[in-house]
Amino acid sequence: MKIIKWILFSFFLIVAVLSFCILYFMYSKLSFIDYPYLYLGVISLFLSIIVYYRIKN
C-alpha cells in the first residue's frame, strides 16, 4: 500500500507541476490564462494532497 501511495502522489504532483508550468509559459508569452490547464493543476494538486494524507502506510 505504501508503494501505491507514493506512485499516486508522485503522479498527481508531476501532473500539477507540468500543468502549472504550461500555464505560466502560455501566460508569459501570450498574456492569457488557459483555464483547462489551471483546472487540471488545481484538481491534481488537491488529489495529491488527499492521497498523501488519506492513504495509510
Protein backbone atom coordinates (compact mmCIF):
# COMPACT_ATOMS: atom_id res chain seq x y z
CA MET A 1 0.00 0.00 0.00
CA LYS A 2 2.91 2.32 0.70
CA ILE A 3 4.25 1.96 -2.86
CA ILE A 4 0.84 2.70 -4.39
CA LYS A 5 0.54 5.78 -2.19
CA TRP A 6 3.85 7.19 -3.38
CA ILE A 7 3.18 6.33 -7.02
CA LEU A 8 -0.20 8.10 -6.96
CA PHE A 9 1.18 11.04 -5.00
CA SER A 10 4.11 11.44 -7.41
CA PHE A 11 1.89 11.13 -10.48
CA PHE A 12 -0.60 13.75 -9.33
CA LEU A 13 2.16 16.09 -8.21
CA ILE A 14 4.02 15.80 -11.53
CA VAL A 15 0.80 16.46 -13.45
CA ALA A 16 0.14 19.53 -11.28
CA VAL A 17 3.65 20.92 -11.77
CA LEU A 18 3.56 20.33 -15.53
CA SER A 19 0.17 21.96 -15.94
CA PHE A 20 1.25 24.97 -13.87
CA CYS A 21 4.43 25.28 -15.97
CA ILE A 22 2.41 25.19 -19.19
CA LEU A 23 0.04 27.74 -17.70
CA TYR A 24 2.96 30.03 -16.80
CA PHE A 25 4.56 29.76 -20.23
CA MET A 26 1.28 30.48 -22.01
CA TYR A 27 0.58 33.46 -19.78
CA SER A 28 4.08 34.89 -20.15
CA LYS A 29 4.15 34.51 -23.95
CA LEU A 30 0.53 35.07 -24.93
CA SER A 31 -0.87 37.03 -21.94
CA PHE A 32 -3.91 34.87 -21.32
CA ILE A 33 -4.75 32.05 -18.95
CA ASP A 34 -5.75 28.73 -20.45
CA TYR A 35 -8.35 27.58 -17.94
CA PRO A 36 -8.28 23.80 -18.60
CA TYR A 37 -4.62 23.72 -17.51
CA LEU A 38 -5.49 25.76 -14.45
CA TYR A 39 -8.32 23.40 -13.52
CA LEU A 40 -6.17 20.33 -14.15
CA GLY A 41 -3.37 21.72 -11.99
CA VAL A 42 -5.62 22.62 -9.09
CA ILE A 43 -7.51 19.32 -9.17
CA SER A 44 -4.37 17.19 -9.42
CA LEU A 45 -2.69 19.18 -6.62
CA PHE A 46 -5.78 18.65 -4.48
CA LEU A 47 -5.78 14.92 -5.29
CA SER A 48 -2.09 14.59 -4.43
CA ILE A 49 -2.73 16.17 -1.03
CA ILE A 50 -5.66 13.83 -0.43
CA VAL A 51 -3.60 10.77 -1.41
CA TYR A 52 -0.73 11.85 0.82
CA TYR A 53 -2.85 12.32 3.93
CA ARG A 54 -5.66 9.78 3.48
CA ILE A 55 -3.93 6.57 2.38
CA LYS A 56 -2.47 4.80 5.37
CA ASN A 57 1.07 3.42 5.40
